[in-house]
Amino acid sequence: MDDALQDYNAMPDDAGDLSEVRGLAAWVPTAIADRAPLITVVGDAMLDGWWSGTIERFCREAPAPVVDITRRDYAAGGAANTAMNLAALGARVRMCGLIGTDDAGRRLHTILEDAGVDTTDLVQDDRVGTTTKYRILGGDQVMLRLDDTHDQLPPEAVTALAARIPRAVAGADAVVVCDYGSGALGEEVRSALGRASTIGPETLVVVDAHDTAAWSALGPDIVTPNAQEAAQVLAMRLDPRSDRAATVTERRSELLAATNAAAVVVTLDRDGTVLLGQDGEEHRTWAKPATEKQASGAGDTFVASLTAARAAGLPLTTSLDLAQAAADVVVHRPGTSVCTTADLTAHLQQFADTALSTADLLRKVEADRAAGRRIVLTNGCFDVLHRGHTRYLNQAKQLGDVLVVALNDDDGVRRLKGPDRPINPIADRAGVIASLSCVDYVTVFGSDTLVPLIELLKPDVYAKGGDYTAQMLEEAPAVEACGGRVSILDYVPEHSTAAVVRRIRSSPLAGDLP
C-alpha cells in the first residue's frame, strides 16, 4: 500500500474536532466509535424472524406452496434494530421501550444484551405481547410475512414506560425516538420527553415516526420521515414516478413548520434522501441500487448512523452522506442486519483507489448513455473538501443522471495553486470525492485544460462553479461542439479551499502542515 493510500485509511493525529470533516475518509467511522457517544433509543422494539426452507410440493387444501423449514434466524427489529446499529457503530446505547415477558420478548431482550445495549429501561410486562414480524422464505424468495402486533396496551404498562424516560435520557448525547405507531409512544410518553428538565439543551433529538407532526412539541433537531410520511404531513399524494425530492423541497416551509424541526431529512428509498434545513440548507444523497429482495431495516441503519455521526460532532451534511453509505451496506444483505464500524470502514476503503483511467471511464459512460442516462461532467482540485464543494457537487448531480468528476493530478494542482499544494495527494482526494453519494465516477487528468477529455467523453452537461461565466471557460466551445451545454452553478463565496487552508495554518497546531 502506498503512502497516499495509508494516509487516506488512517485517522489523522488531529482528528479531535470532527466539525470540519466534509468527506468520508475511511478513518471517519473509527473516529465516531472512539468518541462513543451516549445515545438513548426510545421506541417500539420488535422481534424479526427469518424462517427459511425448501419448497418441493403444494398443500392439498389450497394452491399454496409447502415450505419445509430448515433454519430459523432472529434479529432485533424496529427501534431495537436502531439500537443494535448504534451499538455496532461504537455508541453507548440505552434502550427504552415496552415489550412482553413472552418467548419473543425474552429472545429480544437477550439479543440486545448480547450486543452490549443497556436494557435497564426496557420495560417487560407480562400483560404485553411483544410485536413480531416473521418472514417465511422458500429458497431466496419471501413467501409470506406474519405480523403479530399488539395495539391495545394496558394503561399501567404505558405509565411504567413513561416513568422510565427521565432516567433513560439523563446525560445522553442524543435521543432517538422511533415511533412505529404501536400506541406505546402516545401522549403520556411524549409529555415525559417534552418536559424541560428531561432532555438537556445540548442533547441532539432525532425523531423517526410514522406521524412526524405528532412530535412537533418536542422541537426535534432532525426528523426523518419517508416519502409517504412526508406526504401525510403535507396532506398530499407523492407520485413515485415524479421528482419527489423536488416536490418536498418546494414544500420545505410547510414541512418545517408542521414538524417544528430544525432540519427535515426525507428518505426516498431508491432515490436517496433530501435534507431541508431552517437556514435554507439543502443536501441530497443518492442510494446505490440494490436487487436484494430480502433486505429489511435499512431505514433503521440510516437513522442510527445519522444520529451517531451527528452526536460525534460531524457536520449534518457529512452525517447524511455517512448514513447513506451505511444504508447502502445493509440493503445489499439478506435479512435484518446491522452496519458495524468495520463494515463502514471497509465500504469507504474501497473508494481509496477508485479513480478510473480514461479508457475505463469511456466504457462505463458508453453503457450509461446506451441506457438513456444523461452525463454530467465537472472538474477541479478538490484539495480540502468544504461545504461549498459538497453543495456544488450535489447541484451538479441534479443536472443529469451520472456525475463524472475529473480531478487535477498533483502536478496540475501545484501549477494552479503553488508549490505547497496540494494539501492532500491524489489518492486521498479521489477517495473522498468518490465516497460522496452524488458522485458516480472519478477520473484524473494531467493537462492544463479539460478539452481533450471533453472531446472524448462528449458530456451532455459541463458544470462549473458560479465564480466563472460560460464566456470565461475555454472548455465551453468543446462542450457545445459535441452537443452539450455549459451550466454555471451557485457559488458559495465564504467557503473556499484557500480560506480553509489559511485558517488551518494560522492555528496553533499548524506545525504539522507542509
Protein backbone atom coordinates (compact mmCIF):
# COMPACT_ATOMS: atom_id res chain seq x y z
CA MET A 1 0.00 0.00 0.00
CA ASP A 2 1.46 3.38 -0.94
CA ASP A 3 1.80 6.30 1.48
CA ALA A 4 -1.11 8.22 -0.02
CA LEU A 5 -3.48 5.30 0.45
CA GLN A 6 -2.25 4.79 4.01
CA ASP A 7 -2.98 8.45 4.76
CA TYR A 8 -6.50 8.03 3.40
CA ASN A 9 -7.23 4.98 5.56
CA ALA A 10 -5.55 6.12 8.79
CA MET A 11 -7.04 8.51 11.30
CA PRO A 12 -5.01 11.73 11.46
CA ASP A 13 -3.42 12.76 14.74
CA ASP A 14 -5.52 15.95 14.89
CA ALA A 15 -8.92 14.28 14.40
CA GLY A 16 -10.24 15.56 17.73
CA ASP A 17 -12.65 18.03 16.14
CA LEU A 18 -14.90 16.45 13.50
CA SER A 19 -16.92 19.60 12.80
CA GLU A 20 -14.98 20.42 9.61
CA VAL A 21 -14.98 16.90 8.13
CA ARG A 22 -16.66 17.13 4.72
CA GLY A 23 -15.60 13.91 3.02
CA LEU A 24 -16.00 10.31 4.07
CA ALA A 25 -12.40 9.20 4.53
CA ALA A 26 -12.05 5.62 5.74
CA TRP A 27 -10.98 6.72 9.23
CA VAL A 28 -14.24 8.55 9.99
CA PRO A 29 -16.21 5.52 11.34
CA THR A 30 -13.38 4.74 13.76
CA ALA A 31 -13.34 8.36 14.91
CA ILE A 32 -17.05 8.09 15.73
CA ALA A 33 -16.52 4.85 17.64
CA ASP A 34 -13.64 6.40 19.59
CA ARG A 35 -15.96 9.16 20.80
CA ALA A 36 -18.53 6.53 21.89
CA PRO A 37 -21.48 8.96 22.20
CA LEU A 38 -24.13 8.03 24.75
CA ILE A 39 -27.41 7.60 22.86
CA THR A 40 -30.84 6.65 24.18
CA VAL A 41 -33.35 4.98 21.88
CA VAL A 42 -36.99 5.42 22.90
CA GLY A 43 -39.36 3.45 20.77
CA ASP A 44 -41.23 0.41 19.57
CA ALA A 45 -38.96 -2.62 19.97
CA MET A 46 -39.84 -5.66 17.87
CA LEU A 47 -38.52 -9.13 17.09
CA ASP A 48 -37.86 -10.05 13.46
CA GLY A 49 -37.84 -13.68 12.41
CA TRP A 50 -36.45 -15.10 9.19
CA TRP A 51 -37.53 -18.71 8.70
CA SER A 52 -36.18 -20.31 5.56
CA GLY A 53 -36.66 -23.68 3.92
CA THR A 54 -37.29 -25.56 0.71
CA ILE A 55 -40.37 -25.84 -1.47
CA GLU A 56 -40.98 -29.14 -3.24
CA ARG A 57 -44.77 -29.52 -3.16
CA PHE A 58 -48.09 -27.76 -2.78
CA CYS A 59 -50.53 -28.43 0.03
CA ARG A 60 -53.71 -30.40 -0.68
CA GLU A 61 -56.10 -27.91 0.92
CA ALA A 62 -55.23 -24.96 -1.33
CA PRO A 63 -52.90 -23.96 -4.19
CA ALA A 64 -50.25 -22.86 -1.70
CA PRO A 65 -46.62 -23.99 -1.53
CA VAL A 66 -45.41 -26.01 1.44
CA VAL A 67 -42.21 -24.60 2.98
CA ASP A 68 -40.21 -27.20 4.87
CA ILE A 69 -38.41 -25.03 7.44
CA THR A 70 -34.71 -25.80 7.71
CA ARG A 71 -33.48 -22.70 9.56
CA ARG A 72 -34.80 -20.09 11.98
CA ASP A 73 -32.97 -16.78 12.43
CA TYR A 74 -33.98 -13.94 14.73
CA ALA A 75 -32.97 -10.30 14.89
CA ALA A 76 -33.92 -7.15 16.75
CA GLY A 77 -36.41 -5.11 14.76
CA GLY A 78 -37.90 -1.63 14.80
CA ALA A 79 -36.42 0.63 17.47
CA ALA A 80 -34.41 -2.32 18.77
CA ASN A 81 -32.69 -2.58 15.37
CA THR A 82 -31.80 1.13 15.59
CA ALA A 83 -30.24 0.40 18.99
CA MET A 84 -28.32 -2.56 17.57
CA ASN A 85 -26.93 -0.43 14.74
CA LEU A 86 -25.87 2.29 17.16
CA ALA A 87 -24.03 -0.23 19.30
CA ALA A 88 -22.37 -1.72 16.21
CA LEU A 89 -21.04 1.77 15.37
CA GLY A 90 -19.43 2.13 18.81
CA ALA A 91 -22.07 4.19 20.61
CA ARG A 92 -23.03 3.53 24.21
CA VAL A 93 -26.72 2.71 23.88
CA ARG A 94 -29.70 2.67 26.23
CA MET A 95 -32.92 1.02 25.02
CA CYS A 96 -36.17 2.36 26.47
CA GLY A 97 -39.32 0.63 25.28
CA LEU A 98 -42.12 -1.76 26.14
CA ILE A 99 -42.07 -5.50 25.43
CA GLY A 100 -43.60 -8.62 26.90
CA THR A 101 -42.27 -11.43 29.05
CA ASP A 102 -43.28 -13.93 26.34
CA ASP A 103 -40.81 -16.04 24.36
CA ALA A 104 -40.36 -13.27 21.78
CA GLY A 105 -39.71 -10.67 24.49
CA ARG A 106 -37.15 -12.86 26.25
CA ARG A 107 -35.41 -13.59 22.97
CA LEU A 108 -35.32 -9.89 22.02
CA HIS A 109 -34.00 -8.91 25.45
CA THR A 110 -31.16 -11.44 25.10
CA ILE A 111 -30.25 -10.22 21.60
CA LEU A 112 -29.95 -6.64 22.85
CA GLU A 113 -27.96 -7.58 25.94
CA ASP A 114 -25.56 -9.70 23.90
CA ALA A 115 -24.91 -6.65 21.68
CA GLY A 116 -23.98 -4.54 24.70
CA VAL A 117 -27.18 -2.46 24.74
CA ASP A 118 -28.23 -1.23 28.20
CA THR A 119 -31.73 -2.66 28.76
CA THR A 120 -32.26 -1.23 32.25
CA ASP A 121 -35.16 0.88 30.97
CA LEU A 122 -36.59 -1.69 28.59
CA VAL A 123 -39.88 -2.39 30.37
CA GLN A 124 -41.04 -6.02 30.30
CA ASP A 125 -44.67 -6.50 31.27
CA ASP A 126 -46.46 -9.86 31.36
CA ARG A 127 -49.68 -8.17 30.18
CA VAL A 128 -47.97 -7.04 26.97
CA GLY A 129 -47.38 -9.11 23.86
CA THR A 130 -44.08 -8.47 22.05
CA THR A 131 -44.58 -7.33 18.46
CA THR A 132 -43.12 -9.84 15.99
CA LYS A 133 -42.66 -9.90 12.24
CA TYR A 134 -41.78 -13.30 10.82
CA ARG A 135 -40.82 -13.77 7.17
CA ILE A 136 -41.21 -17.22 5.63
CA LEU A 137 -38.69 -17.85 2.84
CA GLY A 138 -38.74 -20.52 0.20
CA GLY A 139 -35.29 -20.58 -1.36
CA ASP A 140 -34.37 -16.91 -1.76
CA GLN A 141 -37.95 -15.65 -2.05
CA VAL A 142 -40.06 -14.21 0.78
CA MET A 143 -43.32 -16.15 0.51
CA LEU A 144 -45.20 -14.70 3.45
CA ARG A 145 -44.83 -12.29 6.37
CA LEU A 146 -46.64 -12.96 9.64
CA ASP A 147 -47.14 -9.86 11.81
CA ASP A 148 -48.26 -10.22 15.42
CA THR A 149 -48.93 -6.69 16.69
CA HIS A 150 -50.49 -5.60 19.96
CA ASP A 151 -52.17 -2.21 19.72
CA GLN A 152 -54.26 -2.47 22.90
CA LEU A 153 -51.67 -1.81 25.57
CA PRO A 154 -52.55 -1.74 29.29
CA PRO A 155 -52.50 1.88 30.53
CA GLU A 156 -50.42 0.80 33.53
CA ALA A 157 -47.70 -0.53 31.23
CA VAL A 158 -47.54 2.73 29.27
CA THR A 159 -47.37 4.69 32.53
CA ALA A 160 -44.49 2.49 33.66
CA LEU A 161 -42.67 3.25 30.37
CA ALA A 162 -43.23 7.00 30.77
CA ALA A 163 -41.79 6.82 34.29
CA ARG A 164 -38.54 5.39 32.90
CA ILE A 165 -37.99 8.28 30.47
CA PRO A 166 -36.16 10.75 32.75
CA ARG A 167 -33.56 8.20 33.85
CA ALA A 168 -33.17 6.74 30.35
CA VAL A 169 -32.31 10.08 28.72
CA ALA A 170 -30.30 11.61 31.57
CA GLY A 171 -26.87 12.73 30.37
CA ALA A 172 -27.41 11.38 26.85
CA ASP A 173 -25.59 13.00 23.93
CA ALA A 174 -28.55 12.12 21.72
CA VAL A 175 -32.08 10.76 21.99
CA VAL A 176 -33.65 8.88 19.09
CA VAL A 177 -37.42 8.44 19.04
CA CYS A 178 -38.59 5.51 16.91
CA ASP A 179 -42.40 5.59 16.81
CA TYR A 180 -43.93 2.91 14.60
CA GLY A 181 -47.47 3.61 15.76
CA SER A 182 -47.94 0.82 18.31
CA GLY A 183 -49.57 3.17 20.78
CA ALA A 184 -46.83 2.88 23.39
CA LEU A 185 -45.39 6.29 22.46
CA GLY A 186 -48.60 8.24 22.92
CA GLU A 187 -49.31 11.46 24.77
CA GLU A 188 -48.04 10.20 28.11
CA VAL A 189 -44.59 9.31 26.78
CA ARG A 190 -44.43 12.43 24.59
CA SER A 191 -45.19 14.58 27.63
CA ALA A 192 -42.48 12.83 29.66
CA LEU A 193 -39.94 13.51 26.91
CA GLY A 194 -41.10 17.08 26.42
CA ARG A 195 -40.64 18.27 29.99
CA ALA A 196 -37.95 20.93 30.17
CA SER A 197 -35.98 19.03 32.81
CA THR A 198 -35.92 15.74 30.91
CA ILE A 199 -33.71 16.38 27.89
CA GLY A 200 -30.75 18.73 28.19
CA PRO A 201 -30.39 21.73 25.85
CA GLU A 202 -27.24 20.25 24.28
CA THR A 203 -28.82 16.86 23.62
CA LEU A 204 -29.42 16.01 19.96
CA VAL A 205 -33.04 14.91 19.40
CA VAL A 206 -33.88 12.80 16.34
CA VAL A 207 -37.42 11.66 15.59
CA ASP A 208 -38.25 8.80 13.22
CA ALA A 209 -42.03 8.43 13.39
CA HIS A 210 -44.96 7.34 11.27
CA ASP A 211 -46.76 10.52 12.39
CA THR A 212 -43.91 13.03 12.39
CA ALA A 213 -46.10 16.03 13.18
CA ALA A 214 -47.28 14.40 16.41
CA TRP A 215 -43.81 15.05 17.85
CA SER A 216 -43.67 18.75 16.96
CA ALA A 217 -43.97 19.86 20.59
CA LEU A 218 -40.61 18.21 21.26
CA GLY A 219 -38.91 20.65 18.86
CA PRO A 220 -36.59 17.97 17.42
CA ASP A 221 -33.26 18.76 15.82
CA ILE A 222 -33.86 16.27 12.99
CA VAL A 223 -36.91 14.39 11.78
CA THR A 224 -36.65 11.61 9.20
CA PRO A 225 -39.99 10.95 7.50
CA ASN A 226 -40.08 8.71 4.47
CA ALA A 227 -41.87 9.88 1.33
CA GLN A 228 -45.26 8.55 2.42
CA GLU A 229 -44.93 10.10 5.89
CA ALA A 230 -43.86 13.44 4.41
CA ALA A 231 -46.87 13.32 2.08
CA GLN A 232 -49.10 12.70 5.11
CA VAL A 233 -47.70 15.79 6.83
CA LEU A 234 -48.35 17.81 3.65
CA ALA A 235 -51.82 16.29 3.14
CA MET A 236 -50.94 15.30 -0.41
CA ARG A 237 -50.02 12.30 -2.53
CA LEU A 238 -46.47 11.88 -3.82
CA ASP A 239 -46.38 10.16 -7.20
CA PRO A 240 -43.48 7.64 -7.03
CA ARG A 241 -42.79 8.35 -10.72
CA SER A 242 -42.35 12.07 -10.12
CA ASP A 243 -39.35 14.00 -8.84
CA ARG A 244 -40.25 13.53 -5.19
CA ALA A 245 -37.15 15.36 -3.97
CA ALA A 246 -38.15 18.46 -5.91
CA THR A 247 -41.72 18.23 -4.65
CA VAL A 248 -40.82 18.09 -0.95
CA THR A 249 -38.18 20.79 -1.44
CA GLU A 250 -40.84 23.12 -2.83
CA ARG A 251 -42.90 22.46 0.32
CA ARG A 252 -39.94 22.97 2.66
CA SER A 253 -41.55 25.69 4.79
CA GLU A 254 -44.68 23.60 5.38
CA LEU A 255 -42.68 20.54 6.42
CA LEU A 256 -40.51 22.53 8.78
CA ALA A 257 -43.49 24.33 10.29
CA ALA A 258 -45.57 21.18 10.76
CA THR A 259 -42.74 19.21 12.37
CA ASN A 260 -41.19 22.15 14.30
CA ALA A 261 -37.80 20.62 13.47
CA ALA A 262 -34.51 22.35 12.83
CA ALA A 263 -33.99 20.02 9.85
CA VAL A 264 -36.13 17.56 7.90
CA VAL A 265 -34.47 14.63 6.15
CA VAL A 266 -36.93 12.96 3.77
CA THR A 267 -35.88 9.42 2.88
CA LEU A 268 -36.82 8.40 -0.65
CA ASP A 269 -35.70 4.72 -0.74
CA ARG A 270 -34.16 4.14 -4.19
CA ASP A 271 -33.83 7.93 -4.73
CA GLY A 272 -31.72 8.52 -1.62
CA THR A 273 -32.59 11.40 0.69
CA VAL A 274 -33.07 15.15 0.71
CA LEU A 275 -32.14 17.44 3.62
CA LEU A 276 -34.14 20.62 4.22
CA GLY A 277 -32.81 22.97 6.90
CA GLN A 278 -34.30 26.04 8.57
CA ASP A 279 -31.42 28.16 7.28
CA GLY A 280 -32.12 27.25 3.67
CA GLU A 281 -29.59 24.41 3.70
CA GLU A 282 -30.25 21.65 1.18
CA HIS A 283 -28.36 18.45 0.56
CA ARG A 284 -29.05 15.31 -1.45
CA THR A 285 -27.77 11.79 -1.20
CA TRP A 286 -28.19 9.10 -3.84
CA ALA A 287 -28.73 5.44 -2.98
CA LYS A 288 -26.78 2.66 -4.65
CA PRO A 289 -29.29 0.38 -6.46
CA ALA A 290 -29.87 -2.99 -4.79
CA THR A 291 -31.59 -6.09 -6.09
CA GLU A 292 -31.65 -7.91 -2.72
CA LYS A 293 -35.29 -8.87 -2.13
CA GLN A 294 -34.82 -10.00 1.46
CA ALA A 295 -33.23 -6.87 2.94
CA SER A 296 -35.01 -5.20 5.85
CA GLY A 297 -34.21 -2.44 8.30
CA ALA A 298 -32.07 -0.17 6.11
CA GLY A 299 -34.10 2.77 7.43
CA ASP A 300 -33.13 1.87 11.00
CA THR A 301 -29.49 1.72 9.96
CA PHE A 302 -29.80 5.12 8.28
CA VAL A 303 -31.28 6.80 11.36
CA ALA A 304 -28.74 5.17 13.68
CA SER A 305 -25.76 6.20 11.55
CA LEU A 306 -27.06 9.75 11.09
CA THR A 307 -27.51 10.11 14.85
CA ALA A 308 -24.15 8.59 15.78
CA ALA A 309 -22.28 10.78 13.31
CA ARG A 310 -24.06 13.96 14.38
CA ALA A 311 -23.64 13.17 18.09
CA ALA A 312 -19.91 12.64 17.49
CA GLY A 313 -19.64 16.14 16.01
CA LEU A 314 -19.73 15.61 12.24
CA PRO A 315 -21.49 18.31 10.18
CA LEU A 316 -25.07 17.47 9.29
CA THR A 317 -24.37 17.10 5.56
CA THR A 318 -21.42 14.76 6.19
CA SER A 319 -23.52 12.80 8.69
CA LEU A 320 -26.15 12.39 5.98
CA ASP A 321 -23.59 11.06 3.49
CA LEU A 322 -22.30 8.62 6.11
CA ALA A 323 -25.83 7.42 6.89
CA GLN A 324 -26.47 6.83 3.19
CA ALA A 325 -23.25 4.81 2.96
CA ALA A 326 -24.31 2.67 5.94
CA ALA A 327 -27.75 2.07 4.43
CA ASP A 328 -26.08 1.07 1.16
CA VAL A 329 -24.13 -1.57 3.09
CA VAL A 330 -27.14 -3.29 4.70
CA VAL A 331 -29.54 -3.00 1.78
CA HIS A 332 -27.32 -5.41 -0.13
CA ARG A 333 -27.60 -8.05 2.61
CA PRO A 334 -30.40 -10.52 3.26
CA GLY A 335 -32.42 -10.31 6.46
CA THR A 336 -32.40 -7.69 9.20
CA SER A 337 -28.76 -6.74 9.60
CA VAL A 338 -26.57 -4.04 11.13
CA CYS A 339 -23.69 -1.98 9.78
CA THR A 340 -20.64 -2.12 12.04
CA THR A 341 -17.70 0.25 12.24
CA ALA A 342 -15.62 -2.36 10.38
CA ASP A 343 -18.32 -2.72 7.68
CA LEU A 344 -18.50 1.01 7.10
CA THR A 345 -14.71 1.39 7.11
CA ALA A 346 -14.35 -1.38 4.53
CA HIS A 347 -17.08 0.19 2.41
CA LEU A 348 -15.27 3.55 2.41
CA GLN A 349 -11.85 1.98 1.85
CA GLN A 350 -13.00 0.64 -1.49
CA PHE A 351 -13.10 4.23 -2.75
CA ALA A 352 -9.44 4.90 -1.92
CA ASP A 353 -8.12 3.57 -5.23
CA THR A 354 -11.16 4.28 -7.29
CA ALA A 355 -10.07 6.76 -9.98
CA LEU A 356 -10.81 5.36 -13.45
CA SER A 357 -8.49 5.50 -16.40
CA THR A 358 -9.85 7.37 -19.41
CA ALA A 359 -10.47 4.11 -21.26
CA ASP A 360 -12.40 2.57 -18.34
CA LEU A 361 -14.40 5.75 -17.87
CA LEU A 362 -15.39 5.87 -21.53
CA ARG A 363 -16.56 2.24 -21.42
CA LYS A 364 -18.76 2.89 -18.37
CA VAL A 365 -20.19 6.10 -19.76
CA GLU A 366 -20.93 4.43 -23.09
CA ALA A 367 -23.08 1.86 -21.24
CA ASP A 368 -24.82 4.61 -19.27
CA ARG A 369 -25.55 6.59 -22.40
CA ALA A 370 -26.93 3.48 -24.12
CA ALA A 371 -29.33 3.15 -21.18
CA GLY A 372 -30.57 6.69 -21.80
CA ARG A 373 -28.74 8.38 -18.93
CA ARG A 374 -27.59 11.99 -19.15
CA ILE A 375 -23.89 12.54 -18.42
CA VAL A 376 -22.72 15.49 -16.32
CA LEU A 377 -19.00 16.36 -16.15
CA THR A 378 -17.25 18.70 -13.76
CA ASN A 379 -13.66 19.14 -12.66
CA GLY A 380 -11.45 20.73 -10.05
CA CYS A 381 -8.69 20.22 -7.50
CA PHE A 382 -10.99 19.48 -4.53
CA ASP A 383 -7.96 19.62 -2.26
CA VAL A 384 -9.53 20.36 1.13
CA LEU A 385 -13.21 19.47 0.81
CA HIS A 386 -15.62 22.02 2.30
CA ARG A 387 -19.30 22.87 2.27
CA GLY A 388 -19.02 24.88 -0.94
CA HIS A 389 -17.67 21.81 -2.74
CA THR A 390 -20.35 19.41 -1.49
CA ARG A 391 -23.15 21.85 -2.28
CA TYR A 392 -21.74 22.39 -5.75
CA LEU A 393 -21.38 18.65 -6.46
CA ASN A 394 -24.92 17.98 -5.28
CA GLN A 395 -26.19 20.67 -7.64
CA ALA A 396 -24.16 19.21 -10.50
CA LYS A 397 -25.66 15.74 -9.92
CA GLN A 398 -29.15 17.14 -10.28
CA LEU A 399 -28.41 18.30 -13.84
CA GLY A 400 -28.42 14.72 -15.13
CA ASP A 401 -28.21 11.06 -14.17
CA VAL A 402 -24.47 10.31 -13.99
CA LEU A 403 -21.91 12.67 -12.44
CA VAL A 404 -18.27 12.39 -13.54
CA VAL A 405 -15.68 14.34 -11.54
CA ALA A 406 -12.28 14.91 -13.18
CA LEU A 407 -9.55 15.76 -10.67
CA ASN A 408 -6.37 17.70 -11.42
CA ASP A 409 -3.38 15.49 -10.68
CA ASP A 410 -0.85 16.64 -8.06
CA ASP A 411 1.39 18.35 -10.61
CA GLY A 412 -1.61 20.16 -12.03
CA VAL A 413 -2.62 21.38 -8.57
CA ARG A 414 0.91 22.70 -8.00
CA ARG A 415 0.79 24.59 -11.28
CA LEU A 416 -2.55 26.14 -10.34
CA LYS A 417 -2.19 26.70 -6.60
CA GLY A 418 1.53 26.93 -5.88
CA PRO A 419 4.42 24.69 -4.76
CA ASP A 420 2.95 23.99 -1.30
CA ARG A 421 -0.21 22.42 -2.72
CA PRO A 422 -1.97 20.05 -2.78
CA ILE A 423 -2.52 19.52 0.93
CA ASN A 424 -3.97 16.08 0.13
CA PRO A 425 -2.44 13.82 -2.54
CA ILE A 426 -4.48 12.47 -5.42
CA ALA A 427 -5.30 9.09 -3.79
CA ASP A 428 -6.85 10.90 -0.82
CA ARG A 429 -8.71 13.41 -2.97
CA ALA A 430 -10.08 10.73 -5.29
CA GLY A 431 -11.15 8.53 -2.39
CA VAL A 432 -13.00 11.28 -0.57
CA ILE A 433 -14.77 12.56 -3.70
CA ALA A 434 -15.75 9.05 -4.80
CA SER A 435 -17.28 8.34 -1.37
CA LEU A 436 -19.90 11.08 -1.89
CA SER A 437 -23.18 9.50 -2.90
CA CYS A 438 -23.76 12.13 -5.59
CA VAL A 439 -20.57 11.15 -7.48
CA ASP A 440 -20.69 8.23 -9.89
CA TYR A 441 -17.19 8.21 -11.45
CA VAL A 442 -13.87 9.85 -10.66
CA THR A 443 -11.00 10.25 -13.10
CA VAL A 444 -7.69 12.14 -13.04
CA PHE A 445 -6.24 14.40 -15.73
CA GLY A 446 -2.81 15.95 -16.04
CA SER A 447 -3.31 18.53 -18.80
CA ASP A 448 -3.92 22.22 -18.16
CA THR A 449 -7.32 22.08 -19.83
CA LEU A 450 -10.15 19.55 -19.82
CA VAL A 451 -10.78 19.91 -23.56
CA PRO A 452 -9.18 16.55 -24.54
CA LEU A 453 -11.41 14.66 -22.08
CA ILE A 454 -14.50 16.62 -23.15
CA GLU A 455 -13.90 15.70 -26.78
CA LEU A 456 -13.72 12.02 -25.85
CA LEU A 457 -16.49 11.93 -23.23
CA LYS A 458 -18.96 14.26 -25.01
CA PRO A 459 -20.90 15.17 -21.83
CA ASP A 460 -24.48 16.33 -22.02
CA VAL A 461 -23.70 18.97 -19.39
CA TYR A 462 -20.44 20.54 -18.30
CA ALA A 463 -20.86 22.11 -14.83
CA LYS A 464 -18.66 24.71 -13.18
CA GLY A 465 -18.88 26.83 -10.04
CA GLY A 466 -20.53 30.25 -10.19
CA ASP A 467 -17.27 32.17 -9.90
CA TYR A 468 -16.99 31.59 -13.66
CA THR A 469 -19.10 32.60 -16.64
CA ALA A 470 -19.54 30.46 -19.73
CA GLN A 471 -17.53 33.03 -21.71
CA MET A 472 -14.58 32.62 -19.32
CA LEU A 473 -14.33 28.87 -19.87
CA GLU A 474 -12.04 27.70 -22.64
CA GLU A 475 -13.83 24.33 -22.44
CA ALA A 476 -17.18 25.86 -23.48
CA PRO A 477 -16.64 25.65 -27.27
CA ALA A 478 -15.62 21.99 -27.00
CA VAL A 479 -18.74 21.20 -24.94
CA GLU A 480 -21.03 22.94 -27.39
CA ALA A 481 -19.29 21.35 -30.38
CA CYS A 482 -20.21 17.90 -29.10
CA GLY A 483 -23.84 18.87 -28.49
CA GLY A 484 -23.61 19.58 -24.77
CA ARG A 485 -24.30 22.68 -22.72
CA VAL A 486 -22.42 24.58 -20.03
CA SER A 487 -24.14 25.12 -16.68
CA ILE A 488 -22.83 27.64 -14.14
CA LEU A 489 -23.77 26.63 -10.61
CA ASP A 490 -24.16 28.62 -7.41
CA TYR A 491 -21.02 30.00 -5.84
CA VAL A 492 -20.55 29.98 -2.05
CA PRO A 493 -18.03 32.84 -1.63
CA GLU A 494 -17.47 32.34 2.10
CA HIS A 495 -16.38 28.76 1.53
CA SER A 496 -13.11 28.34 -0.35
CA THR A 497 -10.17 25.98 -0.04
CA ALA A 498 -7.76 28.90 0.25
CA ALA A 499 -9.72 30.28 3.20
CA VAL A 500 -9.78 26.87 4.90
CA VAL A 501 -6.03 26.46 4.43
CA ARG A 502 -5.39 29.96 5.84
CA ARG A 503 -7.42 29.12 8.95
CA ILE A 504 -5.57 25.83 9.43
CA ARG A 505 -2.16 27.43 9.04
CA SER A 506 -2.99 30.20 11.49
CA SER A 507 -3.97 27.71 14.21
CA PRO A 508 -1.52 26.68 17.00
CA LEU A 509 -1.44 23.12 15.58
CA ALA A 510 -0.34 24.24 12.12
CA GLY A 511 3.22 22.98 12.53
CA ASP A 512 2.37 19.60 11.02
CA LEU A 513 1.25 21.12 7.69
CA PRO A 514 3.58 21.43 4.71
